[in-house]
Structure formats: structure tokens, C-alpha cells
Amino acid sequence: MALIEVKNLEKIYFDGGVETPALRGVSFSISEGEFVAVTGPSGSGKSSLLHILGFLDRPTKGEYRFGGKTIDELSDIDLAKTRNKKFGFVFQNFNLLPRTNVLENVKLPLLYSELKEKVQEELAKKAIEAVGISHRISHLPSQLSGGERQRVAIARAIVQNPKIIFADEPTGNLDSKSGEKIMKIFQELNKIGHTILLVTHETYTAQYAQRILKMKDGKIANDVKVTNQRLVEKDGFIK
């Protein structure tokens, strides 16, 4: 079943009467359980596409269906609710609250839920354990390495068991060893059923996915299945 369906998607930005096309007739679909990488040079439209798919922006033209519903059927409030409950986001800069410990950072998406505090804490601890960072649960972000901060960000993204995880350059601020550990976590999350859409400009990182959408000048230049997928050995994080 297609979780995401995009048809003839266009995005045009307007600044002082000047039109700047970012997406030019993009069409593709993503099935539940896929691990897809979107790659391409700067200015190719990767970020614009991610923002639309993640309900952070609306397209100028075209159709976007998520779970069978078009984005046009949803109000801004509905978009926000869906984004909070069904989407998980991981960004290059981690976006952790600096004065809040690991547990409280991971609990953030649950703040507006109707779950009891005890349940929220249990879910957060489970997510933290899943990414192998339980030993840092009371630490502040400033006390963590870059790789550990990104693990916290991933735990926060999966705490509500989202339908899809959007990862925007998740290894961009990490050294190669830490980056590989993060990609290992994404592969394990995918193995247990999470759909993952990874945005990266690095061909090497994209090879961890099962499928690559290559963008150029706002269009899908190539849509290929990864035949030489980079696999990393399981080290027991995801349970």
C-alpha cells in the first residue's frame, strides 16, 4: 500500500515579485515499510520536497496524498495533529532543548497527548533504550557527543511510533564512525517496520537505503533500487 503518493508536485517561492521554482512536476510513491533516500546537489529541491512531505509547507500545484488523503483535505490544525502523531523528524542540528535532560527531550512530542505522566515516561524510556543511550538518560545535551545527541533526536522521533520518519541530513554534523552508527539505527528501525525517508547530499549515506530518488533542478532525475546496499551489523540497540 502506498503511504505517500505525489503527482506533478510543484513549489514556487515568491520574493519581491520574483518567482523561484523549487519543484517542477515531481511524481513518485513510497510504500509502507520502505527506506528511501532523496539525494542531489544543493538547490535540487530536496529540502522543499521534505517540507511538503512532512506537512511543514504546502505545494503550489500538484497532488500529495498521505495514507490516501490529499493534503488539500486537511486544515492547518489537522496537518499539525497528523504531523505530531504520525511523523517523526530527525534534523542535522539535533534541535534538542539545551537545558533539558535526555528523558525530558524525548518526552517532548508527548506533552500535548492525553497520556498519563507515567505512561509518557515509560514510552520515552523505551525509545531511549531502543537507540542504546539509557546510560545518558539524565544528561544534558551539552554533556553528550554529537552521535549521542543524534541518538536522542531519533528517540524523540520514534517515541510515538510514527508511520514515517523524516531524516534531514542526519549525519551531516557527525564524523564517519558516528554517522555509521546512526545509519545502523535507521536500518534497524526500518527492519521492525518503520518507513524512512532520508534526505542527504552524500551518495555514500544514501547507499544505506533500499531505494534512491536522485533530484536535479527540481525534478526526479532518477529513481533506482539500491543493489549494493550498505549494511551494518546489528549491535543490539533496537529491540
C-alpha atoms as a PDB file:
ATOM      1  CA  MET A   1       0.000   0.000   0.000  1.00  0.00           C
ATOM      2  CA  ALA A   2       1.281   3.461  -0.897  1.00  0.00           C
ATOM      3  CA  LEU A   3       1.809   5.567   2.201  1.00  0.00           C
ATOM      4  CA  ILE A   4       2.901   8.586   0.160  1.00  0.00           C
ATOM      5  CA  GLU A   5       1.719   9.462  -3.349  1.00  0.00           C
ATOM      6  CA  VAL A   6       2.954  12.564  -5.140  1.00  0.00           C
ATOM      7  CA  LYS A   7       1.747  13.633  -8.590  1.00  0.00           C
ATOM      8  CA  ASN A   8       3.057  16.587 -10.624  1.00  0.00           C
ATOM      9  CA  LEU A   9       4.156  18.423  -7.484  1.00  0.00           C
ATOM     10  CA  GLU A  10       5.336  21.989  -7.965  1.00  0.00           C
ATOM     11  CA  LYS A  11       6.665  24.527  -5.496  1.00  0.00           C
ATOM     12  CA  ILE A  12       7.337  28.142  -6.429  1.00  0.00           C
ATOM     13  CA  TYR A  13       8.707  30.701  -3.992  1.00  0.00           C
ATOM     14  CA  PHE A  14       7.842  34.374  -4.476  1.00  0.00           C
ATOM     15  CA  ASP A  15      10.144  37.130  -3.293  1.00  0.00           C
ATOM     16  CA  GLY A  16       9.523  40.734  -4.342  1.00  0.00           C
ATOM     17  CA  GLY A  17       7.649  39.649  -7.442  1.00  0.00           C
ATOM     18  CA  VAL A  18      10.398  37.244  -8.463  1.00  0.00           C
ATOM     19  CA  GLU A  19       9.385  33.591  -8.937  1.00  0.00           C
ATOM     20  CA  THR A  20      11.851  30.868  -7.992  1.00  0.00           C
ATOM     21  CA  PRO A  21      10.753  27.334  -8.911  1.00  0.00           C
ATOM     22  CA  ALA A  22      11.966  24.726  -6.405  1.00  0.00           C
ATOM     23  CA  LEU A  23       9.975  21.695  -7.568  1.00  0.00           C
ATOM     24  CA  ARG A  24       8.980  21.117 -11.183  1.00  0.00           C
ATOM     25  CA  GLY A  25       6.411  18.357 -11.679  1.00  0.00           C
ATOM     26  CA  VAL A  26       7.637  15.758  -9.178  1.00  0.00           C
ATOM     27  CA  SER A  27       5.817  12.389  -9.158  1.00  0.00           C
ATOM     28  CA  PHE A  28       6.534   9.211  -7.146  1.00  0.00           C
ATOM     29  CA  SER A  29       5.103   6.975  -4.423  1.00  0.00           C
ATOM     30  CA  ILE A  30       6.502   5.378  -1.263  1.00  0.00           C
ATOM     31  CA  SER A  31       5.061   2.186   0.194  1.00  0.00           C
ATOM     32  CA  GLU A  32       4.752   1.427   3.883  1.00  0.00           C
ATOM     33  CA  GLY A  33       7.956  -0.100   5.218  1.00  0.00           C
ATOM     34  CA  GLU A  34      10.283   1.343   2.549  1.00  0.00           C
ATOM     35  CA  PHE A  35      13.611   3.019   3.297  1.00  0.00           C
ATOM     36  CA  VAL A  36      14.030   5.730   0.646  1.00  0.00           C
ATOM     37  CA  ALA A  37      16.845   8.244   0.252  1.00  0.00           C
ATOM     38  CA  VAL A  38      16.390  11.531  -1.589  1.00  0.00           C
ATOM     39  CA  THR A  39      19.701  12.847  -2.832  1.00  0.00           C
ATOM     40  CA  GLY A  40      21.048  15.568  -5.087  1.00  0.00           C
ATOM     41  CA  PRO A  41      23.175  18.727  -5.019  1.00  0.00           C
ATOM     42  CA  SER A  42      22.274  21.894  -3.128  1.00  0.00           C
ATOM     43  CA  GLY A  43      19.382  23.679  -4.802  1.00  0.00           C
ATOM     44  CA  SER A  44      17.998  20.495  -6.360  1.00  0.00           C
ATOM     45  CA  GLY A  45      14.737  20.688  -4.376  1.00  0.00           C
ATOM     46  CA  LYS A  46      15.428  18.141  -1.617  1.00  0.00           C
ATOM     47  CA  SER A  47      14.536  20.418   1.294  1.00  0.00           C
ATOM     48  CA  SER A  48      11.442  21.821  -0.410  1.00  0.00           C
ATOM     49  CA  LEU A  49      10.211  18.289  -1.043  1.00  0.00           C
ATOM     50  CA  LEU A  50      10.869  17.260   2.567  1.00  0.00           C
ATOM     51  CA  HIS A  51       8.980  20.258   3.924  1.00  0.00           C
ATOM     52  CA  ILE A  52       5.930  19.429   1.822  1.00  0.00           C
ATOM     53  CA  LEU A  53       6.005  15.708   2.595  1.00  0.00           C
ATOM     54  CA  GLY A  54       6.385  16.483   6.302  1.00  0.00           C
ATOM     55  CA  PHE A  55       3.391  18.878   6.303  1.00  0.00           C
ATOM     56  CA  LEU A  56       5.689  21.801   7.066  1.00  0.00           C
ATOM     57  CA  ASP A  57       4.700  23.539   3.818  1.00  0.00           C
ATOM     58  CA  ARG A  58       2.104  23.230   1.062  1.00  0.00           C
ATOM     59  CA  PRO A  59       2.773  22.737  -2.654  1.00  0.00           C
ATOM     60  CA  THR A  60       1.991  25.442  -5.173  1.00  0.00           C
ATOM     61  CA  LYS A  61       0.480  22.895  -7.574  1.00  0.00           C
ATOM     62  CA  GLY A  62       0.042  19.159  -7.820  1.00  0.00           C
ATOM     63  CA  GLU A  63      -1.308  16.454  -5.556  1.00  0.00           C
ATOM     64  CA  TYR A  64       0.094  14.936  -2.369  1.00  0.00           C
ATOM     65  CA  ARG A  65      -1.677  12.016  -0.720  1.00  0.00           C
ATOM     66  CA  PHE A  66      -0.647  10.650   2.656  1.00  0.00           C
ATOM     67  CA  GLY A  67      -2.422   7.493   3.740  1.00  0.00           C
ATOM     68  CA  GLY A  68      -4.947   8.008   0.956  1.00  0.00           C
ATOM     69  CA  LYS A  69      -5.893  11.582   1.924  1.00  0.00           C
ATOM     70  CA  THR A  70      -4.825  14.626  -0.049  1.00  0.00           C
ATOM     71  CA  ILE A  71      -3.158  17.493   1.757  1.00  0.00           C
ATOM     72  CA  ASP A  72      -5.938  19.759   0.422  1.00  0.00           C
ATOM     73  CA  GLU A  73      -8.490  17.836   2.519  1.00  0.00           C
ATOM     74  CA  LEU A  74      -6.731  18.800   5.745  1.00  0.00           C
ATOM     75  CA  SER A  75      -6.847  22.111   7.591  1.00  0.00           C
ATOM     76  CA  ASP A  76      -3.704  23.565   9.134  1.00  0.00           C
ATOM     77  CA  ILE A  77      -4.858  22.196  12.509  1.00  0.00           C
ATOM     78  CA  ASP A  78      -5.362  18.727  11.023  1.00  0.00           C
ATOM     79  CA  LEU A  79      -1.947  18.923   9.399  1.00  0.00           C
ATOM     80  CA  ALA A  80      -0.369  19.786  12.749  1.00  0.00           C
ATOM     81  CA  LYS A  81      -2.150  16.899  14.504  1.00  0.00           C
ATOM     82  CA  THR A  82      -1.134  14.410  11.832  1.00  0.00           C
ATOM     83  CA  ARG A  83       2.442  15.710  11.846  1.00  0.00           C
ATOM     84  CA  ASN A  84       2.681  15.305  15.619  1.00  0.00           C
ATOM     85  CA  LYS A  85       1.170  11.818  15.808  1.00  0.00           C
ATOM     86  CA  LYS A  86       2.262  10.132  12.583  1.00  0.00           C
ATOM     87  CA  PHE A  87       5.549  11.821  11.649  1.00  0.00           C
ATOM     88  CA  GLY A  88       8.921  11.676  13.313  1.00  0.00           C
ATOM     89  CA  PHE A  89      11.639  14.204  12.387  1.00  0.00           C
ATOM     90  CA  VAL A  90      15.415  13.992  12.737  1.00  0.00           C
ATOM     91  CA  PHE A  91      17.485  17.014  11.693  1.00  0.00           C
ATOM     92  CA  GLN A  92      21.169  17.708  11.119  1.00  0.00           C
ATOM     93  CA  ASN A  93      21.380  20.124  14.055  1.00  0.00           C
ATOM     94  CA  PHE A  94      19.598  17.793  16.537  1.00  0.00           C
ATOM     95  CA  ASN A  95      17.220  20.551  17.778  1.00  0.00           C
ATOM     96  CA  LEU A  96      17.407  19.480  21.429  1.00  0.00           C
ATOM     97  CA  LEU A  97      16.468  21.801  24.292  1.00  0.00           C
ATOM     98  CA  PRO A  98      19.854  22.695  25.841  1.00  0.00           C
ATOM     99  CA  ARG A  99      18.699  22.992  29.464  1.00  0.00           C
ATOM    100  CA  THR A 100      16.573  19.849  29.418  1.00  0.00           C
ATOM    101  CA  ASN A 101      17.911  16.348  30.035  1.00  0.00           C
ATOM    102  CA  VAL A 102      17.677  13.387  27.671  1.00  0.00           C
ATOM    103  CA  LEU A 103      14.474  11.975  29.161  1.00  0.00           C
ATOM    104  CA  GLU A 104      12.616  15.291  29.032  1.00  0.00           C
ATOM    105  CA  ASN A 105      13.801  15.986  25.466  1.00  0.00           C
ATOM    106  CA  VAL A 106      12.473  12.640  24.283  1.00  0.00           C
ATOM    107  CA  LYS A 107       9.135  13.220  26.048  1.00  0.00           C
ATOM    108  CA  LEU A 108       8.511  16.498  24.183  1.00  0.00           C
ATOM    109  CA  PRO A 109       6.206  15.075  21.445  1.00  0.00           C
ATOM    110  CA  LEU A 110       4.004  13.595  24.183  1.00  0.00           C
ATOM    111  CA  LEU A 111       3.377  16.857  26.039  1.00  0.00           C
ATOM    112  CA  TYR A 112       0.049  17.544  24.346  1.00  0.00           C
ATOM    113  CA  SER A 113      -1.147  13.953  24.410  1.00  0.00           C
ATOM    114  CA  GLU A 114      -3.753  12.686  26.842  1.00  0.00           C
ATOM    115  CA  LEU A 115      -1.394  10.047  28.184  1.00  0.00           C
ATOM    116  CA  LYS A 116      -0.660   9.994  31.899  1.00  0.00           C
ATOM    117  CA  GLU A 117       2.754  11.185  33.005  1.00  0.00           C
ATOM    118  CA  LYS A 118       3.776   7.653  33.988  1.00  0.00           C
ATOM    119  CA  VAL A 119       2.920   6.307  30.530  1.00  0.00           C
ATOM    120  CA  GLN A 120       4.777   9.178  28.853  1.00  0.00           C
ATOM    121  CA  GLU A 121       7.866   8.381  30.894  1.00  0.00           C
ATOM    122  CA  GLU A 122       7.647   4.679  30.080  1.00  0.00           C
ATOM    123  CA  LEU A 123       7.377   5.367  26.342  1.00  0.00           C
ATOM    124  CA  ALA A 124      10.301   7.806  26.476  1.00  0.00           C
ATOM    125  CA  LYS A 125      12.490   5.319  28.359  1.00  0.00           C
ATOM    126  CA  LYS A 126      11.633   2.597  25.844  1.00  0.00           C
ATOM    127  CA  ALA A 127      12.635   4.855  22.948  1.00  0.00           C
ATOM    128  CA  ILE A 128      15.865   5.852  24.713  1.00  0.00           C
ATOM    129  CA  GLU A 129      16.699   2.200  25.333  1.00  0.00           C
ATOM    130  CA  ALA A 130      15.971   1.400  21.688  1.00  0.00           C
ATOM    131  CA  VAL A 131      18.773   3.688  20.498  1.00  0.00           C
ATOM    132  CA  GLY A 132      21.226   2.494  23.132  1.00  0.00           C
ATOM    133  CA  ILE A 133      21.561   5.603  25.255  1.00  0.00           C
ATOM    134  CA  SER A 134      19.857   4.689  28.532  1.00  0.00           C
ATOM    135  CA  HIS A 135      23.122   5.320  30.381  1.00  0.00           C
ATOM    136  CA  ARG A 136      22.818   9.025  29.464  1.00  0.00           C
ATOM    137  CA  ILE A 137      19.171   9.478  30.395  1.00  0.00           C
ATOM    138  CA  SER A 138      19.799  12.223  32.969  1.00  0.00           C
ATOM    139  CA  HIS A 139      22.462  14.082  30.993  1.00  0.00           C
ATOM    140  CA  LEU A 140      22.051  17.466  29.319  1.00  0.00           C
ATOM    141  CA  PRO A 141      22.776  17.793  25.572  1.00  0.00           C
ATOM    142  CA  SER A 142      25.977  19.713  26.344  1.00  0.00           C
ATOM    143  CA  GLN A 143      27.264  16.606  28.143  1.00  0.00           C
ATOM    144  CA  LEU A 144      26.794  14.381  25.081  1.00  0.00           C
ATOM    145  CA  SER A 145      28.815  13.762  21.944  1.00  0.00           C
ATOM    146  CA  GLY A 146      27.360  14.619  18.538  1.00  0.00           C
ATOM    147  CA  GLY A 147      26.468  10.992  17.867  1.00  0.00           C
ATOM    148  CA  GLU A 148      24.764  10.698  21.253  1.00  0.00           C
ATOM    149  CA  ARG A 149      22.752  13.863  20.616  1.00  0.00           C
ATOM    150  CA  GLN A 150      21.543  12.445  17.332  1.00  0.00           C
ATOM    151  CA  ARG A 151      20.502   9.234  19.081  1.00  0.00           C
ATOM    152  CA  VAL A 152      18.432  11.339  21.469  1.00  0.00           C
ATOM    153  CA  ALA A 153      16.855  13.084  18.474  1.00  0.00           C
ATOM    154  CA  ILE A 154      15.996   9.702  16.947  1.00  0.00           C
ATOM    155  CA  ALA A 155      14.488   8.502  20.242  1.00  0.00           C
ATOM    156  CA  ARG A 156      12.331  11.631  20.292  1.00  0.00           C
ATOM    157  CA  ALA A 157      11.276  10.948  16.701  1.00  0.00           C
ATOM    158  CA  ILE A 158      10.139   7.374  17.431  1.00  0.00           C
ATOM    159  CA  VAL A 159       8.554   7.921  20.858  1.00  0.00           C
ATOM    160  CA  GLN A 160       5.040   7.987  19.379  1.00  0.00           C
ATOM    161  CA  ASN A 161       5.680   5.085  16.994  1.00  0.00           C
ATOM    162  CA  PRO A 162       5.179   7.246  13.873  1.00  0.00           C
ATOM    163  CA  LYS A 163       4.086   5.984  10.479  1.00  0.00           C
ATOM    164  CA  ILE A 164       7.145   7.582   8.867  1.00  0.00           C
ATOM    165  CA  ILE A 165      10.464   9.060   9.962  1.00  0.00           C
ATOM    166  CA  PHE A 166      11.841  12.026   8.000  1.00  0.00           C
ATOM    167  CA  ALA A 167      15.608  12.367   8.418  1.00  0.00           C
ATOM    168  CA  ASP A 168      17.161  15.554   7.013  1.00  0.00           C
ATOM    169  CA  GLU A 169      20.969  15.206   6.652  1.00  0.00           C
ATOM    170  CA  PRO A 170      21.104  13.259   9.970  1.00  0.00           C
ATOM    171  CA  THR A 171      24.837  12.512   9.646  1.00  0.00           C
ATOM    172  CA  GLY A 172      25.831  15.960   8.360  1.00  0.00           C
ATOM    173  CA  ASN A 173      27.401  17.100  11.644  1.00  0.00           C
ATOM    174  CA  LEU A 174      28.972  13.764  12.565  1.00  0.00           C
ATOM    175  CA  ASP A 175      32.280  12.041  11.895  1.00  0.00           C
ATOM    176  CA  SER A 176      32.181   8.918   9.720  1.00  0.00           C
ATOM    177  CA  LYS A 177      32.170   6.449  12.621  1.00  0.00           C
ATOM    178  CA  SER A 178      29.327   8.199  14.441  1.00  0.00           C
ATOM    179  CA  GLY A 179      27.463   8.597  11.158  1.00  0.00           C
ATOM    180  CA  GLU A 180      27.647   4.869  10.509  1.00  0.00           C
ATOM    181  CA  LYS A 181      26.193   4.151  13.946  1.00  0.00           C
ATOM    182  CA  ILE A 182      23.279   6.478  13.210  1.00  0.00           C
ATOM    183  CA  MET A 183      22.623   4.790   9.867  1.00  0.00           C
ATOM    184  CA  LYS A 184      22.732   1.441  11.671  1.00  0.00           C
ATOM    185  CA  ILE A 185      19.886   2.635  13.886  1.00  0.00           C
ATOM    186  CA  PHE A 186      17.830   3.742  10.883  1.00  0.00           C
ATOM    187  CA  GLN A 187      18.315   0.364   9.230  1.00  0.00           C
ATOM    188  CA  GLU A 188      17.194  -1.431  12.388  1.00  0.00           C
ATOM    189  CA  LEU A 189      14.157   0.846  12.687  1.00  0.00           C
ATOM    190  CA  ASN A 190      13.294   0.016   9.097  1.00  0.00           C
ATOM    191  CA  LYS A 191      13.632  -3.716   9.804  1.00  0.00           C
ATOM    192  CA  ILE A 192      10.989  -3.502  12.528  1.00  0.00           C
ATOM    193  CA  GLY A 193       8.544  -1.747  10.208  1.00  0.00           C
ATOM    194  CA  HIS A 194       9.215   1.996  10.195  1.00  0.00           C
ATOM    195  CA  THR A 195       9.006   3.784   6.850  1.00  0.00           C
ATOM    196  CA  ILE A 196      12.006   6.092   6.482  1.00  0.00           C
ATOM    197  CA  LEU A 197      12.673   8.964   4.116  1.00  0.00           C
ATOM    198  CA  LEU A 198      16.264  10.154   4.292  1.00  0.00           C
ATOM    199  CA  VAL A 199      17.417  13.410   2.681  1.00  0.00           C
ATOM    200  CA  THR A 200      21.144  13.618   2.036  1.00  0.00           C
ATOM    201  CA  HIS A 201      23.586  15.139  -0.426  1.00  0.00           C
ATOM    202  CA  GLU A 202      26.042  12.302   0.258  1.00  0.00           C
ATOM    203  CA  THR A 203      25.921   9.373  -2.170  1.00  0.00           C
ATOM    204  CA  TYR A 204      27.701   7.213   0.425  1.00  0.00           C
ATOM    205  CA  THR A 205      24.976   7.808   3.031  1.00  0.00           C
ATOM    206  CA  ALA A 206      22.181   7.244   0.503  1.00  0.00           C
ATOM    207  CA  GLN A 207      23.535   3.731  -0.102  1.00  0.00           C
ATOM    208  CA  TYR A 208      22.195   2.651   3.295  1.00  0.00           C
ATOM    209  CA  ALA A 209      18.656   2.979   1.907  1.00  0.00           C
ATOM    210  CA  GLN A 210      16.796   0.454  -0.261  1.00  0.00           C
ATOM    211  CA  ARG A 211      15.893   2.980  -2.945  1.00  0.00           C
ATOM    212  CA  ILE A 212      17.295   6.318  -4.087  1.00  0.00           C
ATOM    213  CA  LEU A 213      15.441   9.238  -5.649  1.00  0.00           C
ATOM    214  CA  LYS A 214      18.030  11.446  -7.327  1.00  0.00           C
ATOM    215  CA  MET A 215      16.956  15.062  -7.765  1.00  0.00           C
ATOM    216  CA  LYS A 216      18.257  17.690 -10.144  1.00  0.00           C
ATOM    217  CA  ASP A 217      16.856  21.148 -10.878  1.00  0.00           C
ATOM    218  CA  GLY A 218      13.628  20.448  -9.004  1.00  0.00           C
ATOM    219  CA  LYS A 219      12.878  17.181 -10.787  1.00  0.00           C
ATOM    220  CA  ILE A 220      13.354  13.473 -10.126  1.00  0.00           C
ATOM    221  CA  ALA A 221      16.282  12.681 -12.394  1.00  0.00           C
ATOM    222  CA  ASN A 222      16.460   9.023 -11.411  1.00  0.00           C
ATOM    223  CA  ASP A 223      14.551   6.535  -9.243  1.00  0.00           C
ATOM    224  CA  VAL A 224      16.675   3.448  -8.601  1.00  0.00           C
ATOM    225  CA  LYS A 225      16.625   0.426  -6.351  1.00  0.00           C
ATOM    226  CA  VAL A 226      19.861   0.047  -4.372  1.00  0.00           C
ATOM    227  CA  THR A 227      21.514  -3.182  -5.475  1.00  0.00           C
ATOM    228  CA  ASN A 228      24.639  -2.772  -3.344  1.00  0.00           C
ATOM    229  CA  GLN A 229      23.018  -1.542  -0.128  1.00  0.00           C
ATOM    230  CA  ARG A 230      25.459  -0.742   2.660  1.00  0.00           C
ATOM    231  CA  LEU A 231      24.544  -2.956   5.589  1.00  0.00           C
ATOM    232  CA  VAL A 232      25.794  -2.531   9.117  1.00  0.00           C
ATOM    233  CA  GLU A 233      25.856  -5.276  11.685  1.00  0.00           C
ATOM    234  CA  LYS A 234      23.186  -5.223  14.363  1.00  0.00           C
ATOM    235  CA  ASP A 235      24.614  -4.305  17.742  1.00  0.00           C
ATOM    236  CA  GLY A 236      21.533  -4.793  19.886  1.00  0.00           C
ATOM    237  CA  PHE A 237      20.172  -1.256  20.102  1.00  0.00           C
ATOM    238  CA  ILE A 238      16.759  -1.789  18.569  1.00  0.00           C
ATOM    239  CA  LYS A 239      14.526  -4.278  20.355  1.00  0.00           C
END
